[in-house]
Amino acid sequence: MSTLKKNKRIKRAKRLALYGDLKPARGNNVSQRGKPKYLGGNGRQTTGITARKFRRNLKKIRVVEDGRVVRRRVPVSLIRSGVIEKPMVKDPFEIPEQ
């Protein structure tokens, strides 16, 4: 096995550990009709089941990874929780202090 493939696998594993699996999860969309029993009805009846995907809420942002700034598609939940480190934005007209 070549070193290139090994390095690619290592990078992919690091990214997976940081951001998790970004693939959509599989599930079902269930259509129902009727009134629930606890509300005095006869119960809910399922009229159809359709396969669907639960997609991650991804945003393309600049991220600091191993000291370098790169663009990544990152889940918004990680951005909000503070797990993702964003690069420092410098003011273009700021005068440096001495």
C-alpha atoms as a PDB file:
ATOM      1  CA  MET A   1       0.000   0.000   0.000  1.00  0.00           C
ATOM      2  CA  SER A   2       1.343   3.399  -0.956  1.00  0.00           C
ATOM      3  CA  THR A   3       2.021   6.150   1.572  1.00  0.00           C
ATOM      4  CA  LEU A   4      -0.267   8.528  -0.321  1.00  0.00           C
ATOM      5  CA  LYS A   5      -3.299   6.338   0.331  1.00  0.00           C
ATOM      6  CA  LYS A   6      -2.319   5.993   3.980  1.00  0.00           C
ATOM      7  CA  ASN A   7      -1.975   9.791   4.376  1.00  0.00           C
ATOM      8  CA  LYS A   8      -5.360  10.313   2.718  1.00  0.00           C
ATOM      9  CA  ARG A   9      -6.937   7.827   5.122  1.00  0.00           C
ATOM     10  CA  ILE A  10      -5.324   9.564   8.109  1.00  0.00           C
ATOM     11  CA  LYS A  11      -6.593  12.978   6.956  1.00  0.00           C
ATOM     12  CA  ARG A  12     -10.092  11.562   6.398  1.00  0.00           C
ATOM     13  CA  ALA A  13     -10.079   9.978   9.865  1.00  0.00           C
ATOM     14  CA  LYS A  14      -9.062  13.314  11.455  1.00  0.00           C
ATOM     15  CA  ARG A  15     -11.862  15.117   9.607  1.00  0.00           C
ATOM     16  CA  LEU A  16     -14.355  12.454  10.675  1.00  0.00           C
ATOM     17  CA  ALA A  17     -13.262  12.825  14.299  1.00  0.00           C
ATOM     18  CA  LEU A  18     -13.630  16.631  14.123  1.00  0.00           C
ATOM     19  CA  TYR A  19     -16.875  17.070  12.207  1.00  0.00           C
ATOM     20  CA  GLY A  20     -18.539  13.661  12.391  1.00  0.00           C
ATOM     21  CA  ASP A  21     -20.144  11.905   9.448  1.00  0.00           C
ATOM     22  CA  LEU A  22     -21.713  14.504   7.126  1.00  0.00           C
ATOM     23  CA  LYS A  23     -23.746  11.974   5.148  1.00  0.00           C
ATOM     24  CA  PRO A  24     -27.537  12.227   5.361  1.00  0.00           C
ATOM     25  CA  ALA A  25     -29.300   9.744   7.654  1.00  0.00           C
ATOM     26  CA  ARG A  26     -32.060   7.530   6.235  1.00  0.00           C
ATOM     27  CA  GLY A  27     -35.579   7.486   7.591  1.00  0.00           C
ATOM     28  CA  ASN A  28     -39.261   7.420   6.752  1.00  0.00           C
ATOM     29  CA  ASN A  29     -41.916  10.067   6.238  1.00  0.00           C
ATOM     30  CA  VAL A  30     -45.188   8.706   7.664  1.00  0.00           C
ATOM     31  CA  SER A  31     -48.541  10.145   6.553  1.00  0.00           C
ATOM     32  CA  GLN A  32     -51.412   9.555   8.966  1.00  0.00           C
ATOM     33  CA  ARG A  33     -55.068  10.464   9.335  1.00  0.00           C
ATOM     34  CA  GLY A  34     -57.623  10.217  12.123  1.00  0.00           C
ATOM     35  CA  LYS A  35     -57.895  11.471  15.674  1.00  0.00           C
ATOM     36  CA  PRO A  36     -55.751  10.005  18.487  1.00  0.00           C
ATOM     37  CA  LYS A  37     -57.506   7.794  21.040  1.00  0.00           C
ATOM     38  CA  TYR A  38     -56.484  10.003  23.967  1.00  0.00           C
ATOM     39  CA  LEU A  39     -58.390  12.863  22.303  1.00  0.00           C
ATOM     40  CA  GLY A  40     -61.531  10.743  21.938  1.00  0.00           C
ATOM     41  CA  GLY A  41     -60.889   9.386  18.439  1.00  0.00           C
ATOM     42  CA  ASN A  42     -60.708   5.892  17.024  1.00  0.00           C
ATOM     43  CA  GLY A  43     -56.882   6.026  16.650  1.00  0.00           C
ATOM     44  CA  ARG A  44     -54.446   7.175  13.985  1.00  0.00           C
ATOM     45  CA  GLN A  45     -54.260   5.242  10.713  1.00  0.00           C
ATOM     46  CA  THR A  46     -51.109   5.234   8.571  1.00  0.00           C
ATOM     47  CA  THR A  47     -51.967   6.046   4.949  1.00  0.00           C
ATOM     48  CA  GLY A  48     -48.472   6.047   3.465  1.00  0.00           C
ATOM     49  CA  ILE A  49     -44.786   5.578   4.228  1.00  0.00           C
ATOM     50  CA  THR A  50     -42.145   7.235   2.031  1.00  0.00           C
ATOM     51  CA  ALA A  51     -38.358   6.918   2.311  1.00  0.00           C
ATOM     52  CA  ARG A  52     -36.549  10.207   2.984  1.00  0.00           C
ATOM     53  CA  LYS A  53     -33.172  11.603   4.024  1.00  0.00           C
ATOM     54  CA  PHE A  54     -32.445  13.643   7.141  1.00  0.00           C
ATOM     55  CA  ARG A  55     -29.827  16.050   5.793  1.00  0.00           C
ATOM     56  CA  ARG A  56     -27.283  17.762   8.037  1.00  0.00           C
ATOM     57  CA  ASN A  57     -27.522  21.544   8.302  1.00  0.00           C
ATOM     58  CA  LEU A  58     -24.155  22.327   6.670  1.00  0.00           C
ATOM     59  CA  LYS A  59     -22.547  25.716   6.087  1.00  0.00           C
ATOM     60  CA  LYS A  60     -19.404  26.395   4.054  1.00  0.00           C
ATOM     61  CA  ILE A  61     -17.015  28.447   6.210  1.00  0.00           C
ATOM     62  CA  ARG A  62     -13.315  29.086   6.719  1.00  0.00           C
ATOM     63  CA  VAL A  63     -11.851  26.981   9.545  1.00  0.00           C
ATOM     64  CA  VAL A  64      -8.455  26.788  11.247  1.00  0.00           C
ATOM     65  CA  GLU A  65      -7.142  23.221  10.862  1.00  0.00           C
ATOM     66  CA  ASP A  66      -3.619  22.280  11.986  1.00  0.00           C
ATOM     67  CA  GLY A  67      -2.619  25.966  11.935  1.00  0.00           C
ATOM     68  CA  ARG A  68      -3.871  26.481   8.354  1.00  0.00           C
ATOM     69  CA  VAL A  69      -7.029  28.214   7.176  1.00  0.00           C
ATOM     70  CA  VAL A  70      -9.173  25.959   4.941  1.00  0.00           C
ATOM     71  CA  ARG A  71     -12.742  26.011   3.629  1.00  0.00           C
ATOM     72  CA  ARG A  72     -14.951  23.216   4.943  1.00  0.00           C
ATOM     73  CA  ARG A  73     -18.622  22.287   4.958  1.00  0.00           C
ATOM     74  CA  VAL A  74     -19.345  22.195   8.678  1.00  0.00           C
ATOM     75  CA  PRO A  75     -22.546  21.414  10.644  1.00  0.00           C
ATOM     76  CA  VAL A  76     -24.118  24.544  12.131  1.00  0.00           C
ATOM     77  CA  SER A  77     -24.533  22.743  15.467  1.00  0.00           C
ATOM     78  CA  LEU A  78     -20.720  22.570  15.821  1.00  0.00           C
ATOM     79  CA  ILE A  79     -20.336  26.267  14.923  1.00  0.00           C
ATOM     80  CA  ARG A  80     -22.919  27.272  17.548  1.00  0.00           C
ATOM     81  CA  SER A  81     -21.405  25.068  20.264  1.00  0.00           C
ATOM     82  CA  GLY A  82     -17.938  26.606  19.729  1.00  0.00           C
ATOM     83  CA  VAL A  83     -16.196  23.382  18.687  1.00  0.00           C
ATOM     84  CA  ILE A  84     -15.069  24.942  15.386  1.00  0.00           C
ATOM     85  CA  GLU A  85     -12.188  27.422  15.521  1.00  0.00           C
ATOM     86  CA  LYS A  86     -12.670  30.292  13.073  1.00  0.00           C
ATOM     87  CA  PRO A  87      -9.730  32.351  11.760  1.00  0.00           C
ATOM     88  CA  MET A  88      -9.010  35.758  13.285  1.00  0.00           C
ATOM     89  CA  VAL A  89     -10.328  38.532  11.053  1.00  0.00           C
ATOM     90  CA  LYS A  90      -8.112  41.627  11.070  1.00  0.00           C
ATOM     91  CA  ASP A  91      -9.412  45.129  10.380  1.00  0.00           C
ATOM     92  CA  PRO A  92      -7.777  46.363   7.125  1.00  0.00           C
ATOM     93  CA  PHE A  93      -7.524  49.977   8.324  1.00  0.00           C
ATOM     94  CA  GLU A  94      -6.306  49.300  11.850  1.00  0.00           C
ATOM     95  CA  ILE A  95      -3.087  51.074  12.894  1.00  0.00           C
ATOM     96  CA  PRO A  96      -0.787  48.686  14.798  1.00  0.00           C
ATOM     97  CA  GLU A  97      -0.086  49.700  18.395  1.00  0.00           C
ATOM     98  CA  GLN A  98       3.515  50.073  19.656  1.00  0.00           C
END
